[in-house]
Amino acid sequence: IQVSSRSKPARHHPPAIKNLNKTMVQMYGGINLSTIGGINDSTMLRLLGEVGNDMRRYPSKTHFVSWTGLSPKNKQSGKMKKRVKSKSNLAGQVFRQSAQSLMTSKYSAIGIFMRRLRGRKGSQVAIKAGARKIAEAFYDALTKGMDYVELGTQKYLEQIRLNEIRLINKLANKHNLTIIETNAS
């Protein structure tokens, strides 16, 4: 099995195992999970211990995310809405730590997503949402047998811009307005 990309170094207390990345890729059936943002060799080792490499026991991505305790939960009675704190298992904690490491990343789309969400909802909600995205990418990589491809920040920002333009056009059509585009710098 060839490893498609180099492994990310662990910043603190890396495990003293020779060829850990190659071994982890072999254990995960040739899938290099270190291509997912926030996951390195030691994280893959911890996730192997908590989750394993067989995802057949989870029928879907949402079942897996719910098992880790990273799915959003709301409690609503009438007009009263309360946030419900949910406890995550150790795998969920590993995904949260991975997401927290991406909070300041300049080159990860998940990092930008979390920083935008942090401005509206707070750090805890943003980290949980980022951890959910990492867990979904982890599940997809193991079930579909493909390496994760980071599209980068430019692609993510372009998607946001296109969604904003679509929303503006929709509102303009609703109110019978015309939009004139200018290239103001």
C-alpha atoms as a PDB file:
ATOM      1  CA  ILE A   1       0.000   0.000   0.000  1.00  0.00           C
ATOM      2  CA  GLN A   2       1.374   3.364  -0.981  1.00  0.00           C
ATOM      3  CA  VAL A   3       0.728   6.369   1.203  1.00  0.00           C
ATOM      4  CA  SER A   4      -0.533   9.175  -1.044  1.00  0.00           C
ATOM      5  CA  SER A   5       0.542  12.097   1.099  1.00  0.00           C
ATOM      6  CA  ARG A   6       2.899  12.787   3.951  1.00  0.00           C
ATOM      7  CA  SER A   7       1.564  12.580   7.452  1.00  0.00           C
ATOM      8  CA  LYS A   8       1.004  15.666   9.557  1.00  0.00           C
ATOM      9  CA  PRO A   9       3.369  15.945  12.514  1.00  0.00           C
ATOM     10  CA  ALA A  10       1.992  15.731  16.035  1.00  0.00           C
ATOM     11  CA  ARG A  11       2.849  18.874  17.956  1.00  0.00           C
ATOM     12  CA  HIS A  12       2.919  17.424  21.465  1.00  0.00           C
ATOM     13  CA  HIS A  13       3.835  13.970  22.713  1.00  0.00           C
ATOM     14  CA  PRO A  14       3.866  12.040  19.436  1.00  0.00           C
ATOM     15  CA  PRO A  15       3.737   8.257  19.818  1.00  0.00           C
ATOM     16  CA  ALA A  16       7.168   6.654  19.492  1.00  0.00           C
ATOM     17  CA  ILE A  17       6.166   4.141  16.816  1.00  0.00           C
ATOM     18  CA  LYS A  18       8.219   3.722  13.649  1.00  0.00           C
ATOM     19  CA  ASN A  19       6.295   4.085  10.362  1.00  0.00           C
ATOM     20  CA  LEU A  20       3.090   4.927  12.237  1.00  0.00           C
ATOM     21  CA  ASN A  21       1.435   6.591   9.246  1.00  0.00           C
ATOM     22  CA  LYS A  22       2.072   3.604   6.982  1.00  0.00           C
ATOM     23  CA  THR A  23       0.782   1.227   9.661  1.00  0.00           C
ATOM     24  CA  MET A  24      -2.361   3.314  10.255  1.00  0.00           C
ATOM     25  CA  VAL A  25      -3.114   3.514   6.518  1.00  0.00           C
ATOM     26  CA  GLN A  26      -2.792  -0.280   6.303  1.00  0.00           C
ATOM     27  CA  MET A  27      -5.089  -0.756   9.310  1.00  0.00           C
ATOM     28  CA  TYR A  28      -7.708   1.493   7.732  1.00  0.00           C
ATOM     29  CA  GLY A  29      -7.631  -0.522   4.511  1.00  0.00           C
ATOM     30  CA  GLY A  30      -5.412   1.780   2.478  1.00  0.00           C
ATOM     31  CA  ILE A  31      -7.315   4.983   3.287  1.00  0.00           C
ATOM     32  CA  ASN A  32      -5.171   7.879   4.444  1.00  0.00           C
ATOM     33  CA  LEU A  33      -7.349   9.668   6.997  1.00  0.00           C
ATOM     34  CA  SER A  34      -4.651  12.248   7.702  1.00  0.00           C
ATOM     35  CA  THR A  35      -5.872  14.109   4.604  1.00  0.00           C
ATOM     36  CA  ILE A  36      -8.850  15.240   6.702  1.00  0.00           C
ATOM     37  CA  GLY A  37      -8.172  18.527   8.449  1.00  0.00           C
ATOM     38  CA  GLY A  38      -7.296  18.146  12.132  1.00  0.00           C
ATOM     39  CA  ILE A  39      -6.498  14.429  11.942  1.00  0.00           C
ATOM     40  CA  ASN A  40      -2.910  13.225  12.225  1.00  0.00           C
ATOM     41  CA  ASP A  41      -1.341   9.847  12.974  1.00  0.00           C
ATOM     42  CA  SER A  42      -1.893   9.948  16.729  1.00  0.00           C
ATOM     43  CA  THR A  43      -5.515  11.016  16.189  1.00  0.00           C
ATOM     44  CA  MET A  44      -6.008   8.115  13.770  1.00  0.00           C
ATOM     45  CA  LEU A  45      -4.568   5.788  16.408  1.00  0.00           C
ATOM     46  CA  ARG A  46      -6.976   7.103  19.063  1.00  0.00           C
ATOM     47  CA  LEU A  47      -9.945   6.844  16.677  1.00  0.00           C
ATOM     48  CA  LEU A  48      -8.991   3.281  15.760  1.00  0.00           C
ATOM     49  CA  GLY A  49      -9.159   2.410  19.453  1.00  0.00           C
ATOM     50  CA  GLU A  50     -12.540   4.094  19.959  1.00  0.00           C
ATOM     51  CA  VAL A  51     -14.389   3.500  16.686  1.00  0.00           C
ATOM     52  CA  GLY A  52     -12.472   0.778  14.881  1.00  0.00           C
ATOM     53  CA  ASN A  53     -12.284   0.538  11.126  1.00  0.00           C
ATOM     54  CA  ASP A  54     -15.556  -1.264  10.445  1.00  0.00           C
ATOM     55  CA  MET A  55     -18.404   1.207   9.909  1.00  0.00           C
ATOM     56  CA  ARG A  56     -21.054  -1.398   9.029  1.00  0.00           C
ATOM     57  CA  ARG A  57     -22.630  -1.103  12.475  1.00  0.00           C
ATOM     58  CA  TYR A  58     -23.678   2.478  11.632  1.00  0.00           C
ATOM     59  CA  PRO A  59     -26.375   2.443   8.921  1.00  0.00           C
ATOM     60  CA  SER A  60     -25.756   6.051   7.923  1.00  0.00           C
ATOM     61  CA  LYS A  61     -23.604   9.084   8.539  1.00  0.00           C
ATOM     62  CA  THR A  62     -26.248  10.606  10.822  1.00  0.00           C
ATOM     63  CA  HIS A  63     -26.283   7.478  13.005  1.00  0.00           C
ATOM     64  CA  PHE A  64     -22.508   7.693  13.404  1.00  0.00           C
ATOM     65  CA  VAL A  65     -22.570  11.413  14.230  1.00  0.00           C
ATOM     66  CA  SER A  66     -25.364  10.860  16.734  1.00  0.00           C
ATOM     67  CA  TRP A  67     -23.404   8.012  18.369  1.00  0.00           C
ATOM     68  CA  THR A  68     -20.409  10.312  18.838  1.00  0.00           C
ATOM     69  CA  GLY A  69     -22.682  12.891  20.503  1.00  0.00           C
ATOM     70  CA  LEU A  70     -21.988  15.590  17.922  1.00  0.00           C
ATOM     71  CA  SER A  71     -25.454  15.936  16.399  1.00  0.00           C
ATOM     72  CA  PRO A  72     -27.283  19.194  17.153  1.00  0.00           C
ATOM     73  CA  LYS A  73     -30.058  18.923  19.712  1.00  0.00           C
ATOM     74  CA  ASN A  74     -32.859  21.350  20.457  1.00  0.00           C
ATOM     75  CA  LYS A  75     -35.610  21.196  23.017  1.00  0.00           C
ATOM     76  CA  GLN A  76     -38.650  23.245  22.166  1.00  0.00           C
ATOM     77  CA  SER A  77     -41.964  23.541  23.933  1.00  0.00           C
ATOM     78  CA  GLY A  78     -44.255  26.055  22.309  1.00  0.00           C
ATOM     79  CA  LYS A  79     -42.199  29.169  21.702  1.00  0.00           C
ATOM     80  CA  MET A  80     -39.614  28.356  24.364  1.00  0.00           C
ATOM     81  CA  LYS A  81     -36.392  27.031  22.900  1.00  0.00           C
ATOM     82  CA  LYS A  82     -33.669  25.588  25.094  1.00  0.00           C
ATOM     83  CA  ARG A  83     -30.271  24.285  24.197  1.00  0.00           C
ATOM     84  CA  VAL A  84     -29.666  20.788  25.421  1.00  0.00           C
ATOM     85  CA  LYS A  85     -26.145  19.798  26.326  1.00  0.00           C
ATOM     86  CA  SER A  86     -25.326  16.340  25.130  1.00  0.00           C
ATOM     87  CA  LYS A  87     -22.501  14.215  26.369  1.00  0.00           C
ATOM     88  CA  SER A  88     -20.188  12.876  23.744  1.00  0.00           C
ATOM     89  CA  ASN A  89     -18.227   9.686  24.049  1.00  0.00           C
ATOM     90  CA  LEU A  90     -14.438   9.509  23.714  1.00  0.00           C
ATOM     91  CA  ALA A  91     -14.611   9.436  19.913  1.00  0.00           C
ATOM     92  CA  GLY A  92     -16.642  12.638  20.004  1.00  0.00           C
ATOM     93  CA  GLN A  93     -14.027  14.203  22.260  1.00  0.00           C
ATOM     94  CA  VAL A  94     -11.288  13.264  19.787  1.00  0.00           C
ATOM     95  CA  PHE A  95     -13.261  14.907  16.966  1.00  0.00           C
ATOM     96  CA  ARG A  96     -13.790  18.016  19.133  1.00  0.00           C
ATOM     97  CA  GLN A  97     -10.062  18.276  19.812  1.00  0.00           C
ATOM     98  CA  SER A  98      -9.379  17.953  16.096  1.00  0.00           C
ATOM     99  CA  ALA A  99     -11.892  20.697  15.363  1.00  0.00           C
ATOM    100  CA  GLN A 100     -10.438  22.954  18.020  1.00  0.00           C
ATOM    101  CA  SER A 101      -7.048  22.689  16.356  1.00  0.00           C
ATOM    102  CA  LEU A 102      -8.612  23.924  13.090  1.00  0.00           C
ATOM    103  CA  MET A 103     -10.199  27.012  14.664  1.00  0.00           C
ATOM    104  CA  THR A 104      -7.194  29.175  13.760  1.00  0.00           C
ATOM    105  CA  SER A 105      -6.309  27.425  10.488  1.00  0.00           C
ATOM    106  CA  LYS A 106      -5.959  29.801   7.548  1.00  0.00           C
ATOM    107  CA  TYR A 107      -6.075  27.110   4.882  1.00  0.00           C
ATOM    108  CA  SER A 108      -8.992  24.902   5.914  1.00  0.00           C
ATOM    109  CA  ALA A 109     -12.582  25.439   4.834  1.00  0.00           C
ATOM    110  CA  ILE A 110     -13.769  23.854   8.095  1.00  0.00           C
ATOM    111  CA  GLY A 111     -11.711  26.456   9.982  1.00  0.00           C
ATOM    112  CA  ILE A 112     -13.397  29.340   8.158  1.00  0.00           C
ATOM    113  CA  PHE A 113     -16.799  27.722   8.714  1.00  0.00           C
ATOM    114  CA  MET A 114     -16.122  27.490  12.453  1.00  0.00           C
ATOM    115  CA  ARG A 115     -14.870  31.076  12.732  1.00  0.00           C
ATOM    116  CA  ARG A 116     -17.968  32.393  10.944  1.00  0.00           C
ATOM    117  CA  LEU A 117     -20.217  30.329  13.215  1.00  0.00           C
ATOM    118  CA  ARG A 118     -18.279  31.386  16.329  1.00  0.00           C
ATOM    119  CA  GLY A 119     -19.169  35.009  15.599  1.00  0.00           C
ATOM    120  CA  ARG A 120     -22.892  34.203  15.670  1.00  0.00           C
ATOM    121  CA  LYS A 121     -23.287  31.320  18.129  1.00  0.00           C
ATOM    122  CA  GLY A 122     -20.142  31.120  20.269  1.00  0.00           C
ATOM    123  CA  SER A 123     -17.079  28.902  20.482  1.00  0.00           C
ATOM    124  CA  GLN A 124     -18.708  25.781  21.902  1.00  0.00           C
ATOM    125  CA  VAL A 125     -21.325  25.578  19.149  1.00  0.00           C
ATOM    126  CA  ALA A 126     -18.701  26.282  16.478  1.00  0.00           C
ATOM    127  CA  ILE A 127     -16.339  23.583  17.736  1.00  0.00           C
ATOM    128  CA  LYS A 128     -19.157  21.040  17.927  1.00  0.00           C
ATOM    129  CA  ALA A 129     -20.274  21.880  14.378  1.00  0.00           C
ATOM    130  CA  GLY A 130     -16.690  21.614  13.104  1.00  0.00           C
ATOM    131  CA  ALA A 131     -16.258  18.303  14.902  1.00  0.00           C
ATOM    132  CA  ARG A 132     -19.452  17.067  13.250  1.00  0.00           C
ATOM    133  CA  LYS A 133     -18.034  17.965   9.824  1.00  0.00           C
ATOM    134  CA  ILE A 134     -14.791  16.116  10.592  1.00  0.00           C
ATOM    135  CA  ALA A 135     -16.744  13.068  11.842  1.00  0.00           C
ATOM    136  CA  GLU A 136     -18.839  13.074   8.650  1.00  0.00           C
ATOM    137  CA  ALA A 137     -15.677  13.236   6.517  1.00  0.00           C
ATOM    138  CA  PHE A 138     -14.204  10.377   8.597  1.00  0.00           C
ATOM    139  CA  TYR A 139     -17.318   8.249   8.035  1.00  0.00           C
ATOM    140  CA  ASP A 140     -17.417   9.036   4.304  1.00  0.00           C
ATOM    141  CA  ALA A 141     -13.738   8.201   3.875  1.00  0.00           C
ATOM    142  CA  LEU A 142     -14.127   4.807   5.554  1.00  0.00           C
ATOM    143  CA  THR A 143     -17.400   3.811   3.905  1.00  0.00           C
ATOM    144  CA  LYS A 144     -16.688   5.072   0.396  1.00  0.00           C
ATOM    145  CA  GLY A 145     -13.010   4.119   0.444  1.00  0.00           C
ATOM    146  CA  MET A 146     -11.683   7.459  -0.789  1.00  0.00           C
ATOM    147  CA  ASP A 147      -9.219   9.971   0.586  1.00  0.00           C
ATOM    148  CA  TYR A 148     -10.672  13.287   1.716  1.00  0.00           C
ATOM    149  CA  VAL A 149      -9.918  16.223  -0.588  1.00  0.00           C
ATOM    150  CA  GLU A 150      -9.718  19.665   1.028  1.00  0.00           C
ATOM    151  CA  LEU A 151     -11.189  22.191  -1.384  1.00  0.00           C
ATOM    152  CA  GLY A 152      -9.584  25.068   0.459  1.00  0.00           C
ATOM    153  CA  THR A 153     -10.690  28.439   1.654  1.00  0.00           C
ATOM    154  CA  GLN A 154     -11.051  30.095  -1.753  1.00  0.00           C
ATOM    155  CA  LYS A 155     -13.623  27.543  -2.936  1.00  0.00           C
ATOM    156  CA  TYR A 156     -15.568  27.861   0.335  1.00  0.00           C
ATOM    157  CA  LEU A 157     -15.598  31.670   0.176  1.00  0.00           C
ATOM    158  CA  GLU A 158     -16.723  31.517  -3.463  1.00  0.00           C
ATOM    159  CA  GLN A 159     -19.634  29.248  -2.458  1.00  0.00           C
ATOM    160  CA  ILE A 160     -20.651  31.755   0.226  1.00  0.00           C
ATOM    161  CA  ARG A 161     -20.492  34.611  -2.291  1.00  0.00           C
ATOM    162  CA  LEU A 162     -22.634  32.726  -4.829  1.00  0.00           C
ATOM    163  CA  ASN A 163     -25.213  31.894  -2.139  1.00  0.00           C
ATOM    164  CA  GLU A 164     -25.396  35.566  -1.122  1.00  0.00           C
ATOM    165  CA  ILE A 165     -25.875  36.636  -4.753  1.00  0.00           C
ATOM    166  CA  ARG A 166     -28.609  34.018  -5.201  1.00  0.00           C
ATOM    167  CA  LEU A 167     -30.371  35.291  -2.071  1.00  0.00           C
ATOM    168  CA  ILE A 168     -30.154  38.918  -3.218  1.00  0.00           C
ATOM    169  CA  ASN A 169     -31.596  37.997  -6.627  1.00  0.00           C
ATOM    170  CA  LYS A 170     -34.409  36.067  -4.970  1.00  0.00           C
ATOM    171  CA  LEU A 171     -35.309  39.032  -2.744  1.00  0.00           C
ATOM    172  CA  ALA A 172     -35.130  41.424  -5.698  1.00  0.00           C
ATOM    173  CA  ASN A 173     -37.520  39.243  -7.723  1.00  0.00           C
ATOM    174  CA  LYS A 174     -39.886  39.027  -4.759  1.00  0.00           C
ATOM    175  CA  HIS A 175     -40.096  42.822  -4.502  1.00  0.00           C
ATOM    176  CA  ASN A 176     -40.028  43.514  -8.270  1.00  0.00           C
ATOM    177  CA  LEU A 177     -36.611  45.199  -8.176  1.00  0.00           C
ATOM    178  CA  THR A 178     -33.811  45.040 -10.694  1.00  0.00           C
ATOM    179  CA  ILE A 179     -30.196  44.543  -9.736  1.00  0.00           C
ATOM    180  CA  ILE A 180     -27.401  46.231 -11.654  1.00  0.00           C
ATOM    181  CA  GLU A 181     -23.982  44.682 -11.193  1.00  0.00           C
ATOM    182  CA  THR A 182     -20.939  46.919 -11.009  1.00  0.00           C
ATOM    183  CA  ASN A 183     -17.307  46.035 -10.604  1.00  0.00           C
ATOM    184  CA  ALA A 184     -16.458  48.446  -7.786  1.00  0.00           C
ATOM    185  CA  SER A 185     -13.118  47.714  -6.155  1.00  0.00           C
END
